[in-house]
Protein backbone atom coordinates (compact mmCIF):
# COMPACT_ATOMS: atom_id res chain seq x y z
CA MET A 1 -4.93 -19.60 20.14
CA ALA A 2 -6.70 -16.62 18.67
CA ASP A 3 -4.63 -14.14 16.70
CA GLY A 4 -5.32 -11.45 19.30
CA LYS A 5 -3.50 -13.33 22.07
CA VAL A 6 -0.01 -12.19 22.98
CA ILE A 7 2.80 -14.50 21.90
CA GLU A 8 5.61 -14.69 24.45
CA THR A 9 9.32 -14.77 23.65
CA LEU A 10 10.60 -18.32 23.49
CA PRO A 11 13.09 -19.11 26.28
CA GLU A 12 16.62 -19.48 24.92
CA ASP A 13 18.57 -19.83 28.18
CA TRP A 14 19.35 -23.51 27.63
CA GLY A 15 22.27 -25.41 26.16
CA SER A 16 21.01 -28.52 24.40
CA ALA A 17 17.95 -29.83 22.58
CA LEU A 18 16.77 -33.01 20.92
CA ALA A 19 14.28 -32.75 18.06
CA ILE A 20 12.10 -35.86 17.75
CA VAL A 21 9.63 -36.08 14.86
CA ALA A 22 7.89 -38.69 12.75
CA HIS A 23 9.47 -38.18 9.32
CA PRO A 24 12.38 -36.70 7.41
CA ASP A 25 11.33 -33.13 6.42
CA ASP A 26 8.95 -32.59 9.36
CA LEU A 27 11.34 -30.12 10.99
CA GLU A 28 12.08 -28.28 7.79
CA TYR A 29 8.59 -26.79 7.41
CA GLY A 30 9.44 -24.14 9.99
CA ALA A 31 11.44 -25.31 12.99
CA SER A 32 14.76 -25.65 11.15
CA SER A 33 15.10 -21.86 10.84
CA ALA A 34 15.06 -21.70 14.65
CA VAL A 35 17.48 -24.63 14.85
CA ALA A 36 19.90 -22.74 12.60
CA LYS A 37 19.77 -19.79 15.00
CA TRP A 38 20.37 -22.00 18.03
CA THR A 39 23.31 -23.91 16.60
CA ALA A 40 24.86 -20.56 15.61
CA GLN A 41 24.59 -19.62 19.30
CA GLY A 42 26.59 -22.72 20.17
CA LYS A 43 23.68 -24.82 21.40
CA LYS A 44 23.98 -28.59 20.92
CA ILE A 45 21.05 -30.04 18.94
CA GLY A 46 20.41 -33.57 17.70
CA TYR A 47 17.69 -34.98 15.48
CA VAL A 48 15.71 -38.22 15.93
CA MET A 49 13.43 -39.45 13.14
CA VAL A 50 10.94 -42.09 14.24
CA THR A 51 10.64 -43.38 10.64
CA ARG A 52 12.68 -43.04 7.46
CA GLY A 53 9.71 -41.61 5.56
CA GLU A 54 9.72 -44.64 3.29
CA ALA A 55 5.98 -44.51 2.53
CA GLY A 56 6.08 -40.86 1.51
CA ILE A 57 6.75 -41.14 -2.23
CA ASP A 58 4.09 -42.96 -4.23
CA SER A 59 6.31 -43.55 -7.28
CA ILE A 60 9.28 -45.01 -5.36
CA PRO A 61 9.15 -48.33 -3.44
CA PRO A 62 9.61 -47.99 0.34
CA ASP A 63 12.97 -49.75 0.52
CA GLU A 64 14.44 -47.31 -1.99
CA ALA A 65 12.55 -44.24 -0.80
CA GLY A 66 13.67 -44.74 2.79
CA LYS A 67 17.34 -44.68 1.79
CA LEU A 68 16.87 -41.56 -0.31
CA ARG A 69 14.98 -39.70 2.37
CA GLU A 70 17.52 -40.66 5.02
CA ILE A 71 20.28 -39.07 2.94
CA GLU A 72 18.17 -35.97 2.30
CA GLN A 73 17.49 -35.56 6.02
CA ILE A 74 21.16 -35.89 6.97
CA ASN A 75 22.11 -33.29 4.36
CA SER A 76 19.29 -31.02 5.49
CA ALA A 77 20.39 -31.24 9.11
CA ARG A 78 23.94 -30.26 8.20
CA VAL A 79 22.67 -27.05 6.58
CA VAL A 80 21.43 -25.84 9.98
CA GLY A 81 24.41 -27.10 11.97
CA VAL A 82 23.07 -30.46 13.20
CA LYS A 83 25.48 -33.37 12.93
CA SER A 84 23.65 -36.08 14.88
CA VAL A 85 20.67 -37.67 13.08
CA GLN A 86 19.19 -40.93 14.41
CA PHE A 87 16.48 -43.08 12.80
CA LEU A 88 14.35 -45.31 15.05
CA ASN A 89 13.04 -47.45 12.17
CA HIS A 90 9.35 -47.48 13.05
CA THR A 91 7.21 -48.13 9.97
CA ASP A 92 6.20 -44.99 8.12
CA GLY A 93 2.47 -44.36 7.88
CA VAL A 94 1.44 -46.79 10.61
CA VAL A 95 3.26 -45.46 13.67
CA GLU A 96 1.29 -46.43 16.75
CA TYR A 97 1.20 -44.56 20.03
CA GLY A 98 2.16 -47.09 22.69
CA MET A 99 4.84 -48.53 24.91
CA ASP A 100 7.28 -49.43 22.12
CA LEU A 101 7.27 -45.87 20.84
CA ARG A 102 7.54 -44.33 24.31
CA ARG A 103 10.37 -46.70 25.18
CA ASP A 104 12.39 -45.88 22.07
CA ILE A 105 11.96 -42.15 22.57
CA SER A 106 12.79 -42.45 26.27
CA ALA A 107 15.98 -44.27 25.33
CA ALA A 108 16.97 -41.45 22.98
CA ILE A 109 16.30 -38.86 25.69
CA ARG A 110 18.38 -40.80 28.22
CA LYS A 111 21.19 -41.10 25.70
CA HIS A 112 21.30 -37.39 24.75
CA ARG A 113 20.10 -35.87 28.06
CA PRO A 114 18.83 -32.62 26.48
CA ASN A 115 17.40 -29.57 28.24
CA ILE A 116 14.73 -29.09 25.56
CA LEU A 117 12.70 -31.42 23.35
CA ILE A 118 11.38 -30.22 20.00
CA THR A 119 8.57 -32.12 18.31
CA GLY A 120 5.75 -31.67 15.82
CA ASN A 121 2.05 -30.94 16.07
CA PHE A 122 0.16 -33.70 17.90
CA HIS A 123 -3.25 -32.03 17.64
CA ILE A 124 -6.05 -33.33 15.44
CA ALA A 125 -5.65 -30.49 12.93
CA TRP A 126 -3.29 -27.78 11.64
CA ASN A 127 -3.89 -24.04 11.89
CA GLU A 128 -5.99 -23.98 8.74
CA GLY A 129 -8.15 -26.84 9.98
CA ASN A 130 -6.66 -29.53 7.76
CA PHE A 131 -6.68 -32.98 9.36
CA ASN A 132 -3.31 -33.90 10.86
CA MET A 133 -1.92 -37.35 10.03
CA ALA A 134 -1.74 -40.23 12.48
CA ASP A 135 2.08 -40.48 12.62
CA HIS A 136 2.41 -36.84 13.68
CA ARG A 137 -0.23 -37.20 16.38
CA ALA A 138 1.25 -40.40 17.80
CA VAL A 139 4.84 -39.16 17.85
CA GLY A 140 4.11 -35.72 19.31
CA LEU A 141 2.10 -37.17 22.19
CA ALA A 142 4.68 -39.89 22.82
CA VAL A 143 7.44 -37.26 23.02
CA LEU A 144 5.52 -35.41 25.74
CA ASP A 145 5.01 -38.61 27.72
CA ALA A 146 8.57 -39.82 27.18
CA ALA A 147 9.90 -36.55 28.58
CA ARG A 148 8.65 -37.79 31.96
CA ASP A 149 9.24 -41.49 31.33
CA ALA A 150 12.94 -40.78 30.81
CA GLY A 151 13.29 -39.60 34.40
CA ASN A 152 11.61 -42.57 36.09
CA ARG A 153 13.84 -45.61 36.59
CA TRP A 154 10.83 -47.86 37.21
CA ILE A 155 9.36 -47.11 33.77
CA PHE A 156 11.14 -49.18 31.11
CA PRO A 157 13.65 -50.65 33.60
CA GLU A 158 15.14 -52.66 30.74
CA LEU A 159 16.82 -49.44 29.63
CA LEU A 160 18.96 -49.64 32.77
CA GLU A 161 20.40 -52.90 31.44
CA GLU A 162 21.46 -50.97 28.34
CA GLY A 163 23.35 -48.51 30.52
CA LEU A 164 20.76 -45.75 30.03
CA GLU A 165 20.29 -44.14 33.42
CA PRO A 166 17.21 -41.98 34.07
CA THR A 167 17.44 -38.26 33.42
CA ASN A 168 15.31 -35.32 34.49
CA SER A 169 17.26 -32.99 32.21
CA VAL A 170 14.24 -32.04 30.08
CA GLU A 171 12.80 -28.71 31.18
CA MET A 172 10.40 -27.93 28.34
CA VAL A 173 8.93 -29.34 25.12
CA PHE A 174 8.61 -27.03 22.11
CA VAL A 175 5.84 -28.14 19.73
CA SER A 176 6.29 -26.86 16.17
CA GLY A 177 3.34 -26.45 13.80
CA SER A 178 0.82 -26.34 16.64
CA PRO A 179 -2.47 -24.48 16.13
CA ASN A 180 -1.99 -23.19 19.70
CA ILE A 181 1.15 -21.05 19.48
CA THR A 182 2.21 -19.70 22.87
CA HIS A 183 5.79 -18.57 22.12
CA ALA A 184 7.90 -17.49 19.17
CA VAL A 185 11.52 -16.84 18.22
CA ASP A 186 12.78 -14.22 15.77
CA VAL A 187 14.49 -16.01 12.85
CA GLY A 188 14.99 -13.03 10.53
CA ASP A 189 18.71 -13.72 10.19
CA PHE A 190 18.20 -17.44 9.66
CA ILE A 191 15.18 -17.83 7.38
CA ASP A 192 17.54 -18.35 4.42
CA LYS A 193 19.10 -21.34 6.21
CA GLY A 194 15.63 -22.72 6.84
CA VAL A 195 14.80 -22.47 3.14
CA LEU A 196 18.04 -24.19 2.15
CA SER A 197 17.38 -26.99 4.64
CA LEU A 198 13.92 -27.64 3.16
CA GLU A 199 15.31 -27.53 -0.38
CA GLU A 200 17.61 -30.45 0.53
CA HIS A 201 14.50 -32.67 0.42
CA LYS A 202 14.65 -32.38 -3.35
CA ILE A 203 13.46 -35.84 -4.38
CA TYR A 204 10.57 -35.73 -1.93
CA ILE A 205 9.45 -32.26 -3.06
CA GLU A 206 9.71 -33.21 -6.74
CA ASN A 207 7.34 -36.12 -6.09
CA LEU A 208 4.66 -34.23 -4.16
CA GLY A 209 2.49 -34.02 -7.28
CA VAL A 210 1.84 -30.31 -6.71
CA ASP A 211 3.79 -27.12 -7.29
CA PHE A 212 5.62 -26.27 -4.11
CA ASP A 213 8.04 -23.38 -3.56
CA PRO A 214 10.02 -23.85 -0.30
CA ASP A 215 11.13 -20.21 -0.22
CA PHE A 216 7.60 -18.82 -0.63
CA PHE A 217 6.09 -21.33 1.81
CA LEU A 218 8.54 -20.73 4.65
CA ARG A 219 8.66 -16.95 4.28
CA MET A 220 4.87 -16.69 4.13
CA ASN A 221 4.40 -18.74 7.31
CA ALA A 222 7.27 -17.11 9.19
CA ASN A 223 6.03 -13.65 8.21
CA ALA A 224 2.54 -14.45 9.48
CA VAL A 225 3.94 -15.40 12.88
CA GLY A 226 6.36 -12.47 12.76
CA ARG A 227 3.55 -9.96 12.28
CA ARG A 228 1.93 -11.21 15.49
CA PHE A 229 5.26 -11.34 17.31
CA GLY A 230 6.60 -7.98 16.13
CA CYS A 231 9.34 -8.87 13.66
CA ASP A 232 9.78 -9.78 10.00
CA TYR A 233 10.09 -13.55 10.39
CA ALA A 234 9.41 -15.76 13.41
CA VAL A 235 8.81 -19.42 14.19
CA GLY A 236 6.04 -20.23 16.65
CA PHE A 237 5.84 -23.05 19.18
CA GLU A 238 3.42 -24.34 21.77
CA VAL A 239 5.50 -24.74 24.94
CA PHE A 240 4.98 -27.29 27.70
CA SER A 241 6.92 -27.31 30.96
CA ILE A 242 8.01 -30.70 32.31
């Protein structure tokens, strides 16, 4: 979306959401500021991580890194008022779009029965044109497909045997980090919470191999969206109706 296009106000007349992303920390690069606002409103939000992010730290073996990143994600979620964090245990770095992934995400949707799904950018690139990684692309697309799969009892009928009845509760999918922002939400009162949630990924950030300031990064990005939206700080999403 070109900068000249009008960004609409993100719908907030819903009660529950499930955020489904590839890795610990994916939500904290922007979306968590919005999550903090929504939980403060009394909305019920849960997190689902497809992997444990175990391949994300070059200097720490995956079995150890996965445990560390799981703890960091749980602590990060608590900062923004999220108590439920589930890990699907797909292998970090080699997540494949396919039936196993769609089934696992459909199961999570049937279990939580949210009104809204939140996921990450599934497009080939980010705003600045940098190539997006395979895990993000696979998971984001699978979330969109699973939003419909979850409502069809003849898709993944084995879930019925697990007591997971179909649900058509999902009304919209909010895609964070998309290069095609259609909507935004003012997070001026909650940007501090977003920064604190990202700072909880301390071990991961310390091992990035580059200087990274969570406060500067989040405020810079949220201010850029805010200038287009008409406020100090905003988080943008690409919105799909289901």
